[in-house]
Amino acid sequence: MAKYRLASVDAVTDGSGMVRFDVWALDADGVIIPSRHKDVMLPTAELSVAMQLTGAARVAAVKNLLVQYAGSGWDSAGLDAEVLTNLQAANVADAVNGWLELPVEFSL
């Protein structure tokens, strides 16, 4: 199951009224998925409502906003699929590197 790391939260200063959540996706071992970094922009009005809640309700409300505004491919299933695809590609690249002694000159 994929996890996430929130690196920072700051106000966007362009008059948009958004709050930026600097989010990294992590694999099940807590390793950053390199292709999965995103600045998730949350509207101040909606985030303010969530922040008025307390405890688990606040946590759930902020998480729901992050899911809503992160876009496609940031759910656990999408990230798990990406981790698997990246692992498969790394395994094939390792096999090629084990087969060849680089650099190799060749013609097509």
PDB file of N, CA and C in Angstrom:
ATOM      1  N   MET A   1       0.837  -1.183   0.000  1.00  0.00           N
ATOM      2  CA  MET A   1       0.000   0.000   0.000  1.00  0.00           C
ATOM      3  C   MET A   1       0.878   1.240   0.000  1.00  0.00           C
ATOM      4  N   ALA A   2       0.595   2.137  -0.870  1.00  0.00           N
ATOM      5  CA  ALA A   2       1.360   3.378  -0.973  1.00  0.00           C
ATOM      6  C   ALA A   2       1.035   4.294   0.206  1.00  0.00           C
ATOM      7  N   LYS A   3       2.021   5.105   0.561  1.00  0.00           N
ATOM      8  CA  LYS A   3       1.872   6.083   1.627  1.00  0.00           C
ATOM      9  C   LYS A   3       2.285   7.443   1.061  1.00  0.00           C
ATOM     10  N   TYR A   4       2.158   8.456   1.869  1.00  0.00           N
ATOM     11  CA  TYR A   4       2.451   9.810   1.429  1.00  0.00           C
ATOM     12  C   TYR A   4       3.289  10.524   2.475  1.00  0.00           C
ATOM     13  N   ARG A   5       4.073  11.496   2.013  1.00  0.00           N
ATOM     14  CA  ARG A   5       4.853  12.337   2.916  1.00  0.00           C
ATOM     15  C   ARG A   5       4.497  13.786   2.612  1.00  0.00           C
ATOM     16  N   LEU A   6       4.051  14.493   3.634  1.00  0.00           N
ATOM     17  CA  LEU A   6       3.782  15.916   3.511  1.00  0.00           C
ATOM     18  C   LEU A   6       5.042  16.646   3.938  1.00  0.00           C
ATOM     19  N   ALA A   7       5.675  17.323   2.971  1.00  0.00           N
ATOM     20  CA  ALA A   7       6.950  17.984   3.246  1.00  0.00           C
ATOM     21  C   ALA A   7       6.764  19.403   3.774  1.00  0.00           C
ATOM     22  N   SER A   8       5.758  20.102   3.269  1.00  0.00           N
ATOM     23  CA  SER A   8       5.522  21.465   3.739  1.00  0.00           C
ATOM     24  C   SER A   8       4.127  21.917   3.337  1.00  0.00           C
ATOM     25  N   VAL A   9       3.665  22.954   4.022  1.00  0.00           N
ATOM     26  CA  VAL A   9       2.378  23.588   3.721  1.00  0.00           C
ATOM     27  C   VAL A   9       2.628  25.082   3.759  1.00  0.00           C
ATOM     28  N   ASP A  10       2.200  25.777   2.697  1.00  0.00           N
ATOM     29  CA  ASP A  10       2.361  27.229   2.696  1.00  0.00           C
ATOM     30  C   ASP A  10       1.259  27.899   1.899  1.00  0.00           C
ATOM     31  N   ALA A  11       1.091  29.177   2.179  1.00  0.00           N
ATOM     32  CA  ALA A  11       0.093  29.980   1.481  1.00  0.00           C
ATOM     33  C   ALA A  11       0.644  30.396   0.123  1.00  0.00           C
ATOM     34  N   VAL A  12      -0.171  30.270  -0.897  1.00  0.00           N
ATOM     35  CA  VAL A  12       0.213  30.745  -2.223  1.00  0.00           C
ATOM     36  C   VAL A  12      -0.004  32.256  -2.222  1.00  0.00           C
ATOM     37  N   THR A  13       0.984  33.006  -2.699  1.00  0.00           N
ATOM     38  CA  THR A  13       0.923  34.471  -2.598  1.00  0.00           C
ATOM     39  C   THR A  13       0.634  35.128  -3.937  1.00  0.00           C
ATOM     40  N   ASP A  14      -0.226  34.484  -4.739  1.00  0.00           N
ATOM     41  CA  ASP A  14      -0.563  35.044  -6.052  1.00  0.00           C
ATOM     42  C   ASP A  14      -2.000  35.551  -6.118  1.00  0.00           C
ATOM     43  N   GLY A  15      -2.645  35.682  -4.956  1.00  0.00           N
ATOM     44  CA  GLY A  15      -4.015  36.171  -4.921  1.00  0.00           C
ATOM     45  C   GLY A  15      -5.060  35.107  -5.210  1.00  0.00           C
ATOM     46  N   SER A  16      -4.654  33.842  -5.355  1.00  0.00           N
ATOM     47  CA  SER A  16      -5.594  32.776  -5.696  1.00  0.00           C
ATOM     48  C   SER A  16      -6.358  32.246  -4.484  1.00  0.00           C
ATOM     49  N   GLY A  17      -5.858  32.543  -3.285  1.00  0.00           N
ATOM     50  CA  GLY A  17      -6.516  32.040  -2.088  1.00  0.00           C
ATOM     51  C   GLY A  17      -6.328  30.549  -1.901  1.00  0.00           C
ATOM     52  N   MET A  18      -5.209  30.023  -2.356  1.00  0.00           N
ATOM     53  CA  MET A  18      -4.936  28.595  -2.242  1.00  0.00           C
ATOM     54  C   MET A  18      -3.843  28.351  -1.201  1.00  0.00           C
ATOM     55  N   VAL A  19      -3.873  27.149  -0.638  1.00  0.00           N
ATOM     56  CA  VAL A  19      -2.832  26.692   0.272  1.00  0.00           C
ATOM     57  C   VAL A  19      -2.171  25.491  -0.400  1.00  0.00           C
ATOM     58  N   ARG A  20      -0.843  25.535  -0.485  1.00  0.00           N
ATOM     59  CA  ARG A  20      -0.083  24.488  -1.185  1.00  0.00           C
ATOM     60  C   ARG A  20       0.390  23.429  -0.192  1.00  0.00           C
ATOM     61  N   PHE A  21       0.052  22.172  -0.486  1.00  0.00           N
ATOM     62  CA  PHE A  21       0.549  21.016   0.255  1.00  0.00           C
ATOM     63  C   PHE A  21       1.584  20.338  -0.631  1.00  0.00           C
ATOM     64  N   ASP A  22       2.829  20.300  -0.185  1.00  0.00           N
ATOM     65  CA  ASP A  22       3.941  19.688  -0.918  1.00  0.00           C
ATOM     66  C   ASP A  22       3.959  18.199  -0.557  1.00  0.00           C
ATOM     67  N   VAL A  23       3.466  17.347  -1.468  1.00  0.00           N
ATOM     68  CA  VAL A  23       3.239  15.934  -1.172  1.00  0.00           C
ATOM     69  C   VAL A  23       4.130  15.040  -2.032  1.00  0.00           C
ATOM     70  N   TRP A  24       4.741  14.058  -1.391  1.00  0.00           N
ATOM     71  CA  TRP A  24       5.511  13.010  -2.061  1.00  0.00           C
ATOM     72  C   TRP A  24       4.805  11.693  -1.821  1.00  0.00           C
ATOM     73  N   ALA A  25       4.791  10.831  -2.829  1.00  0.00           N
ATOM     74  CA  ALA A  25       4.258   9.480  -2.652  1.00  0.00           C
ATOM     75  C   ALA A  25       5.402   8.552  -2.254  1.00  0.00           C
ATOM     76  N   LEU A  26       5.093   7.605  -1.377  1.00  0.00           N
ATOM     77  CA  LEU A  26       6.076   6.641  -0.885  1.00  0.00           C
ATOM     78  C   LEU A  26       5.571   5.233  -1.177  1.00  0.00           C
ATOM     79  N   ASP A  27       6.503   4.315  -1.392  1.00  0.00           N
ATOM     80  CA  ASP A  27       6.089   2.929  -1.546  1.00  0.00           C
ATOM     81  C   ASP A  27       5.891   2.314  -0.153  1.00  0.00           C
ATOM     82  N   ALA A  28       5.575   1.032  -0.100  1.00  0.00           N
ATOM     83  CA  ALA A  28       5.271   0.372   1.173  1.00  0.00           C
ATOM     84  C   ALA A  28       6.454   0.367   2.128  1.00  0.00           C
ATOM     85  N   ASP A  29       7.675   0.530   1.587  1.00  0.00           N
ATOM     86  CA  ASP A  29       8.869   0.569   2.426  1.00  0.00           C
ATOM     87  C   ASP A  29       9.246   1.991   2.847  1.00  0.00           C
ATOM     88  N   GLY A  30       8.436   2.971   2.480  1.00  0.00           N
ATOM     89  CA  GLY A  30       8.720   4.353   2.845  1.00  0.00           C
ATOM     90  C   GLY A  30       9.703   5.052   1.930  1.00  0.00           C
ATOM     91  N   VAL A  31       9.961   4.461   0.756  1.00  0.00           N
ATOM     92  CA  VAL A  31      10.890   5.048  -0.208  1.00  0.00           C
ATOM     93  C   VAL A  31      10.098   5.942  -1.169  1.00  0.00           C
ATOM     94  N   ILE A  32      10.623   7.126  -1.439  1.00  0.00           N
ATOM     95  CA  ILE A  32       9.959   8.060  -2.348  1.00  0.00           C
ATOM     96  C   ILE A  32       9.823   7.443  -3.735  1.00  0.00           C
ATOM     97  N   ILE A  33       8.639   7.568  -4.318  1.00  0.00           N
ATOM     98  CA  ILE A  33       8.414   7.181  -5.709  1.00  0.00           C
ATOM     99  C   ILE A  33       8.833   8.408  -6.525  1.00  0.00           C
ATOM    100  N   PRO A  34       9.981   8.346  -7.227  1.00  0.00           N
ATOM    101  CA  PRO A  34      10.554   9.552  -7.837  1.00  0.00           C
ATOM    102  C   PRO A  34       9.616  10.333  -8.751  1.00  0.00           C
ATOM    103  N   SER A  35       8.759   9.650  -9.461  1.00  0.00           N
ATOM    104  CA  SER A  35       7.882  10.341 -10.411  1.00  0.00           C
ATOM    105  C   SER A  35       6.617  10.878  -9.761  1.00  0.00           C
ATOM    106  N   ARG A  36       6.500  10.735  -8.464  1.00  0.00           N
ATOM    107  CA  ARG A  36       5.265  11.127  -7.800  1.00  0.00           C
ATOM    108  C   ARG A  36       5.472  12.195  -6.726  1.00  0.00           C
ATOM    109  N   HIS A  37       5.637  13.408  -7.175  1.00  0.00           N
ATOM    110  CA  HIS A  37       5.684  14.583  -6.307  1.00  0.00           C
ATOM    111  C   HIS A  37       4.629  15.533  -6.832  1.00  0.00           C
ATOM    112  N   LYS A  38       3.912  16.173  -5.933  1.00  0.00           N
ATOM    113  CA  LYS A  38       2.864  17.081  -6.393  1.00  0.00           C
ATOM    114  C   LYS A  38       2.647  18.187  -5.379  1.00  0.00           C
ATOM    115  N   ASP A  39       2.421  19.380  -5.894  1.00  0.00           N
ATOM    116  CA  ASP A  39       1.923  20.475  -5.085  1.00  0.00           C
ATOM    117  C   ASP A  39       0.406  20.431  -5.195  1.00  0.00           C
ATOM    118  N   VAL A  40      -0.245  19.982  -4.135  1.00  0.00           N
ATOM    119  CA  VAL A  40      -1.704  19.902  -4.128  1.00  0.00           C
ATOM    120  C   VAL A  40      -2.216  21.228  -3.594  1.00  0.00           C
ATOM    121  N   MET A  41      -3.001  21.898  -4.419  1.00  0.00           N
ATOM    122  CA  MET A  41      -3.499  23.224  -4.079  1.00  0.00           C
ATOM    123  C   MET A  41      -4.920  23.107  -3.530  1.00  0.00           C
ATOM    124  N   LEU A  42      -5.102  23.518  -2.264  1.00  0.00           N
ATOM    125  CA  LEU A  42      -6.413  23.450  -1.632  1.00  0.00           C
ATOM    126  C   LEU A  42      -6.973  24.860  -1.454  1.00  0.00           C
ATOM    127  N   PRO A  43      -8.249  25.033  -1.766  1.00  0.00           N
ATOM    128  CA  PRO A  43      -8.877  26.343  -1.571  1.00  0.00           C
ATOM    129  C   PRO A  43      -8.940  26.703  -0.080  1.00  0.00           C
ATOM    130  N   THR A  44      -8.598  27.924   0.228  1.00  0.00           N
ATOM    131  CA  THR A  44      -8.589  28.395   1.609  1.00  0.00           C
ATOM    132  C   THR A  44      -9.948  28.212   2.279  1.00  0.00           C
ATOM    133  N   ALA A  45     -11.022  28.515   1.569  1.00  0.00           N
ATOM    134  CA  ALA A  45     -12.354  28.415   2.174  1.00  0.00           C
ATOM    135  C   ALA A  45     -12.658  26.989   2.614  1.00  0.00           C
ATOM    136  N   GLU A  46     -12.380  26.018   1.773  1.00  0.00           N
ATOM    137  CA  GLU A  46     -12.667  24.620   2.119  1.00  0.00           C
ATOM    138  C   GLU A  46     -11.731  24.119   3.213  1.00  0.00           C
ATOM    139  N   LEU A  47     -10.461  24.499   3.139  1.00  0.00           N
ATOM    140  CA  LEU A  47      -9.504  24.080   4.155  1.00  0.00           C
ATOM    141  C   LEU A  47      -9.846  24.714   5.505  1.00  0.00           C
ATOM    142  N   SER A  48     -10.327  25.944   5.495  1.00  0.00           N
ATOM    143  CA  SER A  48     -10.733  26.612   6.744  1.00  0.00           C
ATOM    144  C   SER A  48     -11.855  25.855   7.434  1.00  0.00           C
ATOM    145  N   VAL A  49     -12.812  25.371   6.662  1.00  0.00           N
ATOM    146  CA  VAL A  49     -13.913  24.582   7.232  1.00  0.00           C
ATOM    147  C   VAL A  49     -13.371  23.307   7.865  1.00  0.00           C
ATOM    148  N   ALA A  50     -12.470  22.624   7.158  1.00  0.00           N
ATOM    149  CA  ALA A  50     -11.884  21.385   7.681  1.00  0.00           C
ATOM    150  C   ALA A  50     -11.105  21.654   8.970  1.00  0.00           C
ATOM    151  N   MET A  51     -10.400  22.773   9.021  1.00  0.00           N
ATOM    152  CA  MET A  51      -9.572  23.091  10.182  1.00  0.00           C
ATOM    153  C   MET A  51     -10.409  23.468  11.409  1.00  0.00           C
ATOM    154  N   GLN A  52     -11.671  23.779  11.228  1.00  0.00           N
ATOM    155  CA  GLN A  52     -12.543  24.075  12.367  1.00  0.00           C
ATOM    156  C   GLN A  52     -12.979  22.804  13.088  1.00  0.00           C
ATOM    157  N   LEU A  53     -12.812  21.656  12.421  1.00  0.00           N
ATOM    158  CA  LEU A  53     -13.135  20.377  13.042  1.00  0.00           C
ATOM    159  C   LEU A  53     -12.013  19.993  13.993  1.00  0.00           C
ATOM    160  N   THR A  54     -12.208  18.941  14.765  1.00  0.00           N
ATOM    161  CA  THR A  54     -11.169  18.483  15.684  1.00  0.00           C
ATOM    162  C   THR A  54     -10.956  16.982  15.529  1.00  0.00           C
ATOM    163  N   GLY A  55      -9.801  16.534  16.002  1.00  0.00           N
ATOM    164  CA  GLY A  55      -9.494  15.115  16.059  1.00  0.00           C
ATOM    165  C   GLY A  55      -9.595  14.401  14.722  1.00  0.00           C
ATOM    166  N   ALA A  56     -10.184  13.212  14.763  1.00  0.00           N
ATOM    167  CA  ALA A  56     -10.281  12.361  13.585  1.00  0.00           C
ATOM    168  C   ALA A  56     -11.112  13.004  12.477  1.00  0.00           C
ATOM    169  N   ALA A  57     -12.088  13.802  12.858  1.00  0.00           N
ATOM    170  CA  ALA A  57     -12.919  14.472  11.849  1.00  0.00           C
ATOM    171  C   ALA A  57     -12.085  15.459  11.039  1.00  0.00           C
ATOM    172  N   ARG A  58     -11.186  16.181  11.703  1.00  0.00           N
ATOM    173  CA  ARG A  58     -10.304  17.115  10.995  1.00  0.00           C
ATOM    174  C   ARG A  58      -9.382  16.358  10.053  1.00  0.00           C
ATOM    175  N   VAL A  59      -8.761  15.301  10.563  1.00  0.00           N
ATOM    176  CA  VAL A  59      -7.847  14.498   9.748  1.00  0.00           C
ATOM    177  C   VAL A  59      -8.570  13.976   8.509  1.00  0.00           C
ATOM    178  N   ALA A  60      -9.752  13.422   8.700  1.00  0.00           N
ATOM    179  CA  ALA A  60     -10.517  12.876   7.583  1.00  0.00           C
ATOM    180  C   ALA A  60     -10.888  13.967   6.578  1.00  0.00           C
ATOM    181  N   ALA A  61     -11.274  15.124   7.062  1.00  0.00           N
ATOM    182  CA  ALA A  61     -11.679  16.210   6.172  1.00  0.00           C
ATOM    183  C   ALA A  61     -10.507  16.704   5.324  1.00  0.00           C
ATOM    184  N   VAL A  62      -9.334  16.852   5.942  1.00  0.00           N
ATOM    185  CA  VAL A  62      -8.157  17.313   5.185  1.00  0.00           C
ATOM    186  C   VAL A  62      -7.733  16.240   4.189  1.00  0.00           C
ATOM    187  N   LYS A  63      -7.743  14.969   4.602  1.00  0.00           N
ATOM    188  CA  LYS A  63      -7.408  13.891   3.676  1.00  0.00           C
ATOM    189  C   LYS A  63      -8.374  13.876   2.490  1.00  0.00           C
ATOM    190  N   ASN A  64      -9.653  14.064   2.764  1.00  0.00           N
ATOM    191  CA  ASN A  64     -10.636  14.086   1.676  1.00  0.00           C
ATOM    192  C   ASN A  64     -10.364  15.227   0.702  1.00  0.00           C
ATOM    193  N   LEU A  65      -9.978  16.381   1.218  1.00  0.00           N
ATOM    194  CA  LEU A  65      -9.623  17.499   0.343  1.00  0.00           C
ATOM    195  C   LEU A  65      -8.395  17.166  -0.500  1.00  0.00           C
ATOM    196  N   LEU A  66      -7.395  16.549   0.116  1.00  0.00           N
ATOM    197  CA  LEU A  66      -6.191  16.175  -0.638  1.00  0.00           C
ATOM    198  C   LEU A  66      -6.535  15.201  -1.757  1.00  0.00           C
ATOM    199  N   VAL A  67      -7.366  14.212  -1.460  1.00  0.00           N
ATOM    200  CA  VAL A  67      -7.771  13.252  -2.491  1.00  0.00           C
ATOM    201  C   VAL A  67      -8.551  13.972  -3.595  1.00  0.00           C
ATOM    202  N   GLN A  68      -9.449  14.841  -3.204  1.00  0.00           N
ATOM    203  CA  GLN A  68     -10.284  15.561  -4.169  1.00  0.00           C
ATOM    204  C   GLN A  68      -9.451  16.427  -5.116  1.00  0.00           C
ATOM    205  N   TYR A  69      -8.441  17.096  -4.589  1.00  0.00           N
ATOM    206  CA  TYR A  69      -7.682  18.062  -5.388  1.00  0.00           C
ATOM    207  C   TYR A  69      -6.351  17.523  -5.936  1.00  0.00           C
ATOM    208  N   ALA A  70      -5.954  16.327  -5.564  1.00  0.00           N
ATOM    209  CA  ALA A  70      -4.675  15.780  -6.043  1.00  0.00           C
ATOM    210  C   ALA A  70      -4.748  15.367  -7.506  1.00  0.00           C
ATOM    211  N   GLY A  71      -5.901  14.933  -7.969  1.00  0.00           N
ATOM    212  CA  GLY A  71      -6.015  14.481  -9.353  1.00  0.00           C
ATOM    213  C   GLY A  71      -5.877  12.971  -9.463  1.00  0.00           C
ATOM    214  N   SER A  72      -6.021  12.469 -10.661  1.00  0.00           N
ATOM    215  CA  SER A  72      -6.030  11.020 -10.869  1.00  0.00           C
ATOM    216  C   SER A  72      -4.644  10.421 -10.668  1.00  0.00           C
ATOM    217  N   GLY A  73      -4.636   9.147 -10.304  1.00  0.00           N
ATOM    218  CA  GLY A  73      -3.394   8.412 -10.134  1.00  0.00           C
ATOM    219  C   GLY A  73      -2.746   8.562  -8.777  1.00  0.00           C
ATOM    220  N   TRP A  74      -3.357   9.316  -7.878  1.00  0.00           N
ATOM    221  CA  TRP A  74      -2.767   9.521  -6.562  1.00  0.00           C
ATOM    222  C   TRP A  74      -3.441   8.690  -5.482  1.00  0.00           C
ATOM    223  N   ASP A  75      -4.406   7.853  -5.864  1.00  0.00           N
ATOM    224  CA  ASP A  75      -4.996   6.951  -4.892  1.00  0.00           C
ATOM    225  C   ASP A  75      -4.046   5.776  -4.653  1.00  0.00           C
ATOM    226  N   SER A  76      -4.285   4.988  -3.637  1.00  0.00           N
ATOM    227  CA  SER A  76      -3.378   3.887  -3.299  1.00  0.00           C
ATOM    228  C   SER A  76      -3.240   2.894  -4.443  1.00  0.00           C
ATOM    229  N   ALA A  77      -4.339   2.561  -5.099  1.00  0.00           N
ATOM    230  CA  ALA A  77      -4.271   1.586  -6.200  1.00  0.00           C
ATOM    231  C   ALA A  77      -3.405   2.112  -7.341  1.00  0.00           C
ATOM    232  N   GLY A  78      -3.549   3.377  -7.682  1.00  0.00           N
ATOM    233  CA  GLY A  78      -2.745   3.967  -8.754  1.00  0.00           C
ATOM    234  C   GLY A  78      -1.268   3.999  -8.414  1.00  0.00           C
ATOM    235  N   LEU A  79      -0.953   4.345  -7.169  1.00  0.00           N
ATOM    236  CA  LEU A  79       0.448   4.392  -6.755  1.00  0.00           C
ATOM    237  C   LEU A  79       1.039   2.995  -6.649  1.00  0.00           C
ATOM    238  N   ASP A  80       0.255   2.046  -6.141  1.00  0.00           N
ATOM    239  CA  ASP A  80       0.743   0.659  -6.073  1.00  0.00           C
ATOM    240  C   ASP A  80       1.046   0.129  -7.462  1.00  0.00           C
ATOM    241  N   ALA A  81       0.198   0.445  -8.435  1.00  0.00           N
ATOM    242  CA  ALA A  81       0.431   0.008  -9.817  1.00  0.00           C
ATOM    243  C   ALA A  81       1.702   0.638 -10.367  1.00  0.00           C
ATOM    244  N   GLU A  82       1.936   1.907 -10.067  1.00  0.00           N
ATOM    245  CA  GLU A  82       3.152   2.571 -10.541  1.00  0.00           C
ATOM    246  C   GLU A  82       4.402   1.963  -9.912  1.00  0.00           C
ATOM    247  N   VAL A  83       4.335   1.657  -8.621  1.00  0.00           N
ATOM    248  CA  VAL A  83       5.475   1.030  -7.948  1.00  0.00           C
ATOM    249  C   VAL A  83       5.792  -0.311  -8.602  1.00  0.00           C
ATOM    250  N   LEU A  84       4.769  -1.107  -8.892  1.00  0.00           N
ATOM    251  CA  LEU A  84       4.973  -2.405  -9.531  1.00  0.00           C
ATOM    252  C   LEU A  84       5.571  -2.242 -10.920  1.00  0.00           C
ATOM    253  N   THR A  85       5.055  -1.303 -11.694  1.00  0.00           N
ATOM    254  CA  THR A  85       5.584  -1.048 -13.037  1.00  0.00           C
ATOM    255  C   THR A  85       7.041  -0.602 -12.965  1.00  0.00           C
ATOM    256  N   ASN A  86       7.360   0.289 -12.029  1.00  0.00           N
ATOM    257  CA  ASN A  86       8.749   0.743 -11.868  1.00  0.00           C
ATOM    258  C   ASN A  86       9.663  -0.410 -11.470  1.00  0.00           C
ATOM    259  N   LEU A  87       9.177  -1.299 -10.600  1.00  0.00           N
ATOM    260  CA  LEU A  87       9.968  -2.452 -10.177  1.00  0.00           C
ATOM    261  C   LEU A  87      10.231  -3.392 -11.356  1.00  0.00           C
ATOM    262  N   GLN A  88       9.211  -3.629 -12.157  1.00  0.00           N
ATOM    263  CA  GLN A  88       9.377  -4.487 -13.332  1.00  0.00           C
ATOM    264  C   GLN A  88      10.398  -3.887 -14.298  1.00  0.00           C
ATOM    265  N   ALA A  89      10.317  -2.589 -14.527  1.00  0.00           N
ATOM    266  CA  ALA A  89      11.278  -1.927 -15.415  1.00  0.00           C
ATOM    267  C   ALA A  89      12.692  -2.013 -14.851  1.00  0.00           C
ATOM    268  N   ALA A  90      12.846  -1.832 -13.549  1.00  0.00           N
ATOM    269  CA  ALA A  90      14.170  -1.925 -12.922  1.00  0.00           C
ATOM    270  C   ALA A  90      14.735  -3.335 -13.057  1.00  0.00           C
ATOM    271  N   ASN A  91      13.884  -4.347 -12.899  1.00  0.00           N
ATOM    272  CA  ASN A  91      14.340  -5.735 -13.044  1.00  0.00           C
ATOM    273  C   ASN A  91      14.819  -6.024 -14.458  1.00  0.00           C
ATOM    274  N   VAL A  92      14.095  -5.534 -15.456  1.00  0.00           N
ATOM    275  CA  VAL A  92      14.496  -5.749 -16.848  1.00  0.00           C
ATOM    276  C   VAL A  92      15.780  -4.984 -17.149  1.00  0.00           C
ATOM    277  N   ALA A  93      15.884  -3.752 -16.662  1.00  0.00           N
ATOM    278  CA  ALA A  93      17.118  -2.980 -16.865  1.00  0.00           C
ATOM    279  C   ALA A  93      18.307  -3.673 -16.207  1.00  0.00           C
ATOM    280  N   ASP A  94      18.112  -4.222 -15.028  1.00  0.00           N
ATOM    281  CA  ASP A  94      19.182  -4.965 -14.350  1.00  0.00           C
ATOM    282  C   ASP A  94      19.597  -6.193 -15.166  1.00  0.00           C
ATOM    283  N   ALA A  95      18.622  -6.871 -15.764  1.00  0.00           N
ATOM    284  CA  ALA A  95      18.927  -8.046 -16.589  1.00  0.00           C
ATOM    285  C   ALA A  95      19.758  -7.653 -17.801  1.00  0.00           C
ATOM    286  N   VAL A  96      19.396  -6.553 -18.455  1.00  0.00           N
ATOM    287  CA  VAL A  96      20.163  -6.080 -19.615  1.00  0.00           C
ATOM    288  C   VAL A  96      21.577  -5.701 -19.182  1.00  0.00           C
ATOM    289  N   ASN A  97      21.688  -4.985 -18.063  1.00  0.00           N
ATOM    290  CA  ASN A  97      23.016  -4.587 -17.577  1.00  0.00           C
ATOM    291  C   ASN A  97      23.852  -5.787 -17.162  1.00  0.00           C
ATOM    292  N   GLY A  98      23.214  -6.850 -16.692  1.00  0.00           N
ATOM    293  CA  GLY A  98      23.933  -8.067 -16.368  1.00  0.00           C
ATOM    294  C   GLY A  98      24.385  -8.831 -17.604  1.00  0.00           C
ATOM    295  N   TRP A  99      23.689  -8.637 -18.696  1.00  0.00           N
ATOM    296  CA  TRP A  99      23.987  -9.313 -19.949  1.00  0.00           C
ATOM    297  C   TRP A  99      25.086  -8.597 -20.728  1.00  0.00           C
ATOM    298  N   LEU A 100      25.048  -7.279 -20.726  1.00  0.00           N
ATOM    299  CA  LEU A 100      25.989  -6.480 -21.520  1.00  0.00           C
ATOM    300  C   LEU A 100      27.090  -5.899 -20.644  1.00  0.00           C
ATOM    301  N   GLU A 101      28.211  -5.658 -21.258  1.00  0.00           N
ATOM    302  CA  GLU A 101      29.270  -4.911 -20.599  1.00  0.00           C
ATOM    303  C   GLU A 101      29.316  -3.558 -21.290  1.00  0.00           C
ATOM    304  N   LEU A 102      28.815  -2.544 -20.622  1.00  0.00           N
ATOM    305  CA  LEU A 102      28.672  -1.219 -21.227  1.00  0.00           C
ATOM    306  C   LEU A 102      29.932  -0.400 -21.044  1.00  0.00           C
ATOM    307  N   PRO A 103      30.264   0.493 -21.946  1.00  0.00           N
ATOM    308  CA  PRO A 103      29.481   0.838 -23.127  1.00  0.00           C
ATOM    309  C   PRO A 103      29.676  -0.183 -24.257  1.00  0.00           C
ATOM    310  N   VAL A 104      28.660  -0.273 -25.102  1.00  0.00           N
ATOM    311  CA  VAL A 104      28.669  -1.180 -26.243  1.00  0.00           C
ATOM    312  C   VAL A 104      28.413  -0.371 -27.501  1.00  0.00           C
ATOM    313  N   GLU A 105      29.230  -0.544 -28.510  1.00  0.00           N
ATOM    314  CA  GLU A 105      28.988   0.096 -29.807  1.00  0.00           C
ATOM    315  C   GLU A 105      28.227  -0.884 -30.683  1.00  0.00           C
ATOM    316  N   PHE A 106      27.232  -0.393 -31.407  1.00  0.00           N
ATOM    317  CA  PHE A 106      26.450  -1.289 -32.250  1.00  0.00           C
ATOM    318  C   PHE A 106      25.826  -0.511 -33.403  1.00  0.00           C
ATOM    319  N   SER A 107      25.343  -1.242 -34.383  1.00  0.00           N
ATOM    320  CA  SER A 107      24.635  -0.670 -35.530  1.00  0.00           C
ATOM    321  C   SER A 107      23.243  -1.259 -35.583  1.00  0.00           C
ATOM    322  N   LEU A 108      22.317  -0.512 -36.109  1.00  0.00           N
ATOM    323  CA  LEU A 108      20.941  -0.999 -36.287  1.00  0.00           C
ATOM    324  C   LEU A 108      20.726  -1.355 -37.745  1.00  0.00           C
TER     325      LEU A 108
END
